[in-house]
């Protein structure tokens, strides 16, 4: 939350025939996480990758694996992904039947020494995450409906980020706030980072770029530039520069007046 901006490229948008090449490209580009979208065809209307793929990713990279479970039975499958090498695991709060199940999910992830995270669909009340903000390491705010990559950012998602940041500031200042959906350097990275997001998931924003490695840097830079602390620093620098320019102008005017006075005195002699 208002920390160093991290980029988590979504591997779902990578070249399926050249995954290892793309992973190494992300390493070279200094991406922070690899975001893995797991969909079961039930909780969301799409079917993607699963446990064997996560295990293969773990075998070829040391980058943290950020696994987003869009599945209807997260408790049944959770340990599979933890044992396969997931570092962060996000589950949808809508997929649990009781608060005890949510607590079980968090405790199980912790028991593996990994990082529990919670998320929910964009049309669900963000307040349902509040009771768990002090228990998880990350909250994932969906700025598109889960299921398919390449969707457009849902306007107003930044307000949900801000609501989480405001609440977390009181109960868990170290909470990471991740946002997934329609993120690019052009506009949306700045919108959400200004409200407290610090982990940006980018699929098409990275892999559809002519230069994916540069896109990673550009999205990070756009997010960091919009953070309040950095805006304040920029404004402070601008104010200092303006003050220096004003002081220089005053000195220049004073020098000019002195020279004019000296010339006038010389003529009078």
Protein backbone atom coordinates (compact mmCIF):
# COMPACT_ATOMS: atom_id res chain seq x y z
CA UNK A 1 0.00 0.00 0.00
CA UNK A 2 1.78 3.10 -1.32
CA UNK A 3 4.96 1.03 -1.35
CA UNK A 4 7.35 0.23 -4.15
CA UNK A 5 5.29 -0.53 -7.27
CA UNK A 6 5.58 -4.14 -8.33
CA UNK A 7 4.65 -5.56 -11.73
CA UNK A 8 3.06 -8.99 -12.07
CA UNK A 9 2.73 -9.90 -15.76
CA UNK A 10 -0.10 -12.35 -16.36
CA UNK A 11 1.29 -15.44 -18.04
CA UNK A 12 -2.13 -16.13 -19.55
CA UNK A 13 -1.33 -13.48 -22.16
CA UNK A 14 2.09 -14.93 -23.00
CA UNK A 15 2.95 -17.07 -26.03
CA UNK A 16 1.78 -20.56 -25.07
CA UNK A 17 4.29 -22.11 -27.43
CA UNK A 18 7.18 -20.15 -25.91
CA UNK A 19 6.45 -19.88 -22.21
CA UNK A 20 10.02 -20.44 -21.05
CA UNK A 21 11.31 -17.78 -23.43
CA UNK A 22 8.74 -15.32 -22.11
CA UNK A 23 9.54 -16.16 -18.48
CA UNK A 24 13.21 -15.40 -19.02
CA UNK A 25 12.25 -12.18 -20.79
CA UNK A 26 10.28 -11.16 -17.68
CA UNK A 27 13.28 -11.98 -15.51
CA UNK A 28 15.50 -9.77 -17.67
CA UNK A 29 12.87 -7.01 -17.55
CA UNK A 30 12.94 -7.18 -13.75
CA UNK A 31 9.27 -7.97 -13.35
CA UNK A 32 8.47 -8.73 -9.72
CA UNK A 33 5.93 -11.57 -9.83
CA UNK A 34 4.50 -13.98 -12.36
CA UNK A 35 0.73 -13.86 -12.18
CA UNK A 36 -0.92 -17.22 -12.85
CA UNK A 37 -4.65 -17.26 -13.63
CA UNK A 38 -6.23 -20.59 -12.70
CA UNK A 39 -9.80 -21.03 -13.98
CA UNK A 40 -11.92 -24.14 -13.61
CA UNK A 41 -14.74 -23.49 -16.10
CA UNK A 42 -17.25 -23.44 -13.22
CA UNK A 43 -16.51 -20.43 -11.04
CA UNK A 44 -15.72 -18.47 -14.21
CA UNK A 45 -16.68 -19.31 -17.81
CA UNK A 46 -13.20 -20.28 -18.94
CA UNK A 47 -10.73 -23.12 -18.44
CA UNK A 48 -7.02 -22.42 -18.22
CA UNK A 49 -3.91 -23.84 -16.58
CA UNK A 50 -3.49 -25.90 -13.44
CA UNK A 51 -1.13 -27.61 -11.02
CA UNK A 52 1.28 -29.26 -13.50
CA UNK A 53 1.86 -25.92 -15.19
CA UNK A 54 2.61 -24.17 -11.90
CA UNK A 55 5.08 -26.93 -11.04
CA UNK A 56 6.83 -26.46 -14.39
CA UNK A 57 7.01 -22.70 -13.84
CA UNK A 58 8.59 -23.30 -10.44
CA UNK A 59 11.20 -25.50 -12.10
CA UNK A 60 12.42 -22.81 -14.50
CA UNK A 61 12.30 -19.61 -12.44
CA UNK A 62 12.87 -18.28 -8.94
CA UNK A 63 10.44 -15.40 -9.48
CA UNK A 64 7.55 -15.36 -6.99
CA UNK A 65 4.49 -17.13 -8.39
CA UNK A 66 1.30 -15.19 -7.74
CA UNK A 67 -1.50 -17.72 -8.22
CA UNK A 68 -5.07 -16.45 -8.59
CA UNK A 69 -7.56 -19.26 -7.99
CA UNK A 70 -10.77 -18.64 -9.90
CA UNK A 71 -12.21 -21.96 -8.85
CA UNK A 72 -15.31 -23.07 -6.97
CA UNK A 73 -13.50 -25.37 -4.49
CA UNK A 74 -10.34 -23.56 -3.33
CA UNK A 75 -9.98 -25.49 -0.08
CA UNK A 76 -9.91 -28.82 -1.90
CA UNK A 77 -7.20 -27.76 -4.33
CA UNK A 78 -5.21 -25.28 -2.25
CA UNK A 79 -2.47 -27.63 -1.07
CA UNK A 80 -1.88 -28.84 -4.63
CA UNK A 81 -0.82 -25.35 -5.66
CA UNK A 82 1.18 -24.70 -2.52
CA UNK A 83 3.12 -27.92 -3.03
CA UNK A 84 3.60 -27.08 -6.71
CA UNK A 85 5.42 -23.88 -5.74
CA UNK A 86 2.93 -21.03 -5.42
CA UNK A 87 4.21 -18.13 -3.28
CA UNK A 88 1.10 -15.94 -3.15
CA UNK A 89 -2.33 -17.55 -3.42
CA UNK A 90 -5.49 -15.50 -3.96
CA UNK A 91 -8.91 -17.06 -3.52
CA UNK A 92 -12.31 -15.50 -4.07
CA UNK A 93 -14.25 -14.82 -0.92
CA UNK A 94 -17.43 -15.75 -2.82
CA UNK A 95 -16.10 -19.30 -3.18
CA UNK A 96 -16.24 -19.91 0.59
CA UNK A 97 -19.42 -20.89 2.38
CA UNK A 98 -18.50 -19.66 5.86
CA UNK A 99 -16.09 -17.36 7.65
CA UNK A 100 -14.48 -20.47 9.13
CA UNK A 101 -13.59 -21.64 5.61
CA UNK A 102 -11.92 -18.32 4.89
CA UNK A 103 -9.90 -18.66 8.09
CA UNK A 104 -8.98 -22.22 7.13
CA UNK A 105 -7.72 -21.01 3.77
CA UNK A 106 -5.56 -18.34 5.40
CA UNK A 107 -4.19 -20.73 8.02
CA UNK A 108 -3.34 -23.39 5.43
CA UNK A 109 -1.39 -20.95 3.27
CA UNK A 110 0.45 -19.72 6.36
CA UNK A 111 1.31 -23.27 7.38
CA UNK A 112 3.32 -23.61 4.16
CA UNK A 113 5.18 -20.38 4.86
CA UNK A 114 3.45 -18.66 1.95
CA UNK A 115 1.33 -15.54 1.50
CA UNK A 116 -2.49 -15.68 1.67
CA UNK A 117 -4.53 -13.22 -0.37
CA UNK A 118 -8.23 -12.62 -0.90
CA UNK A 119 -10.18 -11.19 -3.79
CA UNK A 120 -13.71 -10.85 -5.13
CA UNK A 121 -15.55 -10.01 -8.33
CA UNK A 122 -16.13 -6.34 -9.24
CA UNK A 123 -19.86 -6.48 -8.50
CA UNK A 124 -19.40 -7.75 -4.93
CA UNK A 125 -19.25 -5.47 -1.91
CA UNK A 126 -15.64 -4.60 -1.14
CA UNK A 127 -16.57 -4.38 2.54
CA UNK A 128 -16.78 -8.18 2.70
CA UNK A 129 -12.97 -8.23 2.71
CA UNK A 130 -12.63 -5.86 5.67
CA UNK A 131 -12.73 -8.53 8.44
CA UNK A 132 -9.66 -10.21 6.92
CA UNK A 133 -7.42 -7.26 6.07
CA UNK A 134 -5.29 -7.82 9.16
CA UNK A 135 -4.99 -11.54 8.43
CA UNK A 136 -3.81 -11.62 4.82
CA UNK A 137 -0.70 -10.33 3.07
CA UNK A 138 -2.43 -9.08 -0.06
CA UNK A 139 -5.83 -8.10 -1.42
CA UNK A 140 -6.53 -8.42 -5.13
CA UNK A 141 -8.96 -5.85 -6.52
CA UNK A 142 -10.44 -7.03 -9.81
CA UNK A 143 -10.90 -4.17 -12.27
CA UNK A 144 -12.47 -6.53 -14.83
CA UNK A 145 -14.74 -9.54 -14.43
CA UNK A 146 -12.58 -12.63 -14.07
CA UNK A 147 -12.58 -15.11 -16.90
CA UNK A 148 -10.89 -13.63 -19.94
CA UNK A 149 -7.81 -11.55 -20.63
CA UNK A 150 -7.81 -8.38 -22.73
CA UNK A 151 -10.84 -6.74 -21.10
CA UNK A 152 -11.15 -3.00 -20.55
CA UNK A 153 -10.69 -1.43 -17.14
CA UNK A 154 -13.92 -0.92 -15.18
CA UNK A 155 -14.15 2.78 -14.37
CA UNK A 156 -14.35 3.49 -10.66
CA UNK A 157 -12.22 0.49 -9.67
CA UNK A 158 -9.73 2.96 -8.22
CA UNK A 159 -12.34 3.89 -5.61
CA UNK A 160 -12.37 0.29 -4.39
CA UNK A 161 -8.60 0.42 -4.12
CA UNK A 162 -8.86 3.62 -2.10
CA UNK A 163 -11.42 2.08 0.25
CA UNK A 164 -9.14 -0.89 0.95
CA UNK A 165 -6.11 1.38 1.44
CA UNK A 166 -7.96 3.62 3.89
CA UNK A 167 -9.11 0.69 5.97
CA UNK A 168 -5.78 -1.16 5.80
CA UNK A 169 -3.90 1.94 6.97
CA UNK A 170 -5.47 1.34 10.39
CA UNK A 171 -5.24 -2.43 10.66
CA UNK A 172 -2.44 -3.64 8.34
CA UNK A 173 -0.21 -0.91 6.86
CA UNK A 174 2.01 -3.53 5.21
CA UNK A 175 -0.85 -4.97 3.15
CA UNK A 176 -0.14 -5.28 -0.56
CA UNK A 177 -2.96 -4.09 -2.79
CA UNK A 178 -2.93 -5.78 -6.17
CA UNK A 179 -5.11 -4.76 -9.13
CA UNK A 180 -5.89 -6.92 -12.15
CA UNK A 181 -7.62 -5.86 -15.34
CA UNK A 182 -7.01 -3.33 -18.08
CA UNK A 183 -3.77 -2.01 -16.57
CA UNK A 184 -1.42 -0.03 -18.81
CA UNK A 185 1.07 2.81 -18.54
CA UNK A 186 -1.19 5.17 -20.46
CA UNK A 187 -3.73 5.95 -17.76
CA UNK A 188 -4.89 3.18 -15.47
CA UNK A 189 -1.59 2.47 -13.69
CA UNK A 190 -1.57 6.02 -12.41
CA UNK A 191 -5.24 5.97 -11.41
CA UNK A 192 -4.91 2.97 -9.12
CA UNK A 193 -1.47 3.73 -7.69
CA UNK A 194 -2.69 7.19 -6.69
CA UNK A 195 -5.23 5.38 -4.49
CA UNK A 196 -2.81 2.90 -2.91
CA UNK A 197 -2.25 0.00 -5.32
CA UNK A 198 1.29 -1.34 -5.35
CA UNK A 199 1.09 -4.61 -7.30
CA UNK A 200 -0.09 -4.24 -10.89
CA UNK A 201 -1.15 -7.24 -12.93
CA UNK A 202 -0.67 -6.65 -16.64
CA UNK A 203 -1.41 -9.19 -19.34
CA UNK A 204 -2.09 -7.53 -22.67
CA UNK A 205 -0.43 -4.39 -21.33
CA UNK A 206 2.87 -6.28 -21.36
CA UNK A 207 2.62 -9.11 -23.87
CA UNK A 208 0.69 -7.22 -26.56
CA UNK A 209 3.32 -4.50 -26.53
CA UNK A 210 5.90 -4.29 -29.30
CA UNK A 211 8.49 -4.28 -26.54
CA UNK A 212 7.19 -6.25 -23.51
CA UNK A 213 10.32 -5.60 -21.45
CA UNK A 214 9.96 -1.84 -21.90
CA UNK A 215 6.26 -2.11 -21.08
CA UNK A 216 7.13 -3.53 -17.65
CA UNK A 217 9.32 -0.50 -16.90
CA UNK A 218 6.80 1.97 -18.31
CA UNK A 219 3.88 0.62 -16.27
CA UNK A 220 5.98 0.68 -13.10
CA UNK A 221 7.14 4.24 -13.80
CA UNK A 222 3.59 5.44 -14.47
CA UNK A 223 2.39 3.92 -11.22
CA UNK A 224 5.22 5.31 -9.13
CA UNK A 225 4.83 8.80 -10.62
CA UNK A 226 1.20 8.88 -9.44
CA UNK A 227 1.88 7.90 -5.84
CA UNK A 228 1.11 10.82 -3.49
CA UNK A 229 4.61 10.82 -1.96
CA UNK A 230 6.26 11.08 -5.36
CA UNK A 231 3.81 13.74 -6.51
CA UNK A 232 4.64 15.73 -3.37
CA UNK A 233 8.35 15.33 -4.06
CA UNK A 234 7.87 16.47 -7.66
CA UNK A 235 5.87 19.45 -6.51
CA UNK A 236 8.55 20.23 -3.94
CA UNK A 237 11.24 20.11 -6.61
CA UNK A 238 9.14 22.33 -8.87
CA UNK A 239 8.58 24.80 -6.04
CA UNK A 240 12.31 24.84 -5.26
CA UNK A 241 13.12 25.42 -8.91
CA UNK A 242 10.55 28.21 -9.12
CA UNK A 243 11.94 29.78 -5.94
CA UNK A 244 15.48 29.55 -7.31
CA UNK A 245 14.35 31.13 -10.57
CA UNK A 246 12.56 33.91 -8.69
CA UNK A 247 15.61 34.55 -6.50
CA UNK A 248 17.83 34.63 -9.58
CA UNK A 249 15.47 37.10 -11.24
CA UNK A 250 15.51 39.32 -8.16
CA UNK A 251 19.30 39.22 -8.03
CA UNK A 252 19.49 40.00 -11.74
CA UNK A 253 17.13 42.95 -11.33
CA UNK A 254 19.09 44.21 -8.32
CA UNK A 255 22.35 43.98 -10.27
CA UNK A 256 20.81 45.81 -13.22
CA UNK A 257 19.56 48.60 -10.93
CA UNK A 258 23.00 48.98 -9.32
CA UNK A 259 24.67 49.18 -12.71
CA UNK A 260 22.16 51.79 -13.87
CA UNK A 261 22.73 53.83 -10.71
CA UNK A 262 26.49 53.70 -11.23
CA UNK A 263 26.14 54.83 -14.83
CA UNK A 264 23.85 57.68 -13.80
CA UNK A 265 26.30 58.82 -11.13
CA UNK A 266 29.11 58.73 -13.69
CA UNK A 267 27.20 61.02 -16.07
CA UNK A 268 26.51 63.46 -13.33
CA UNK A 269 30.22 64.00 -12.54
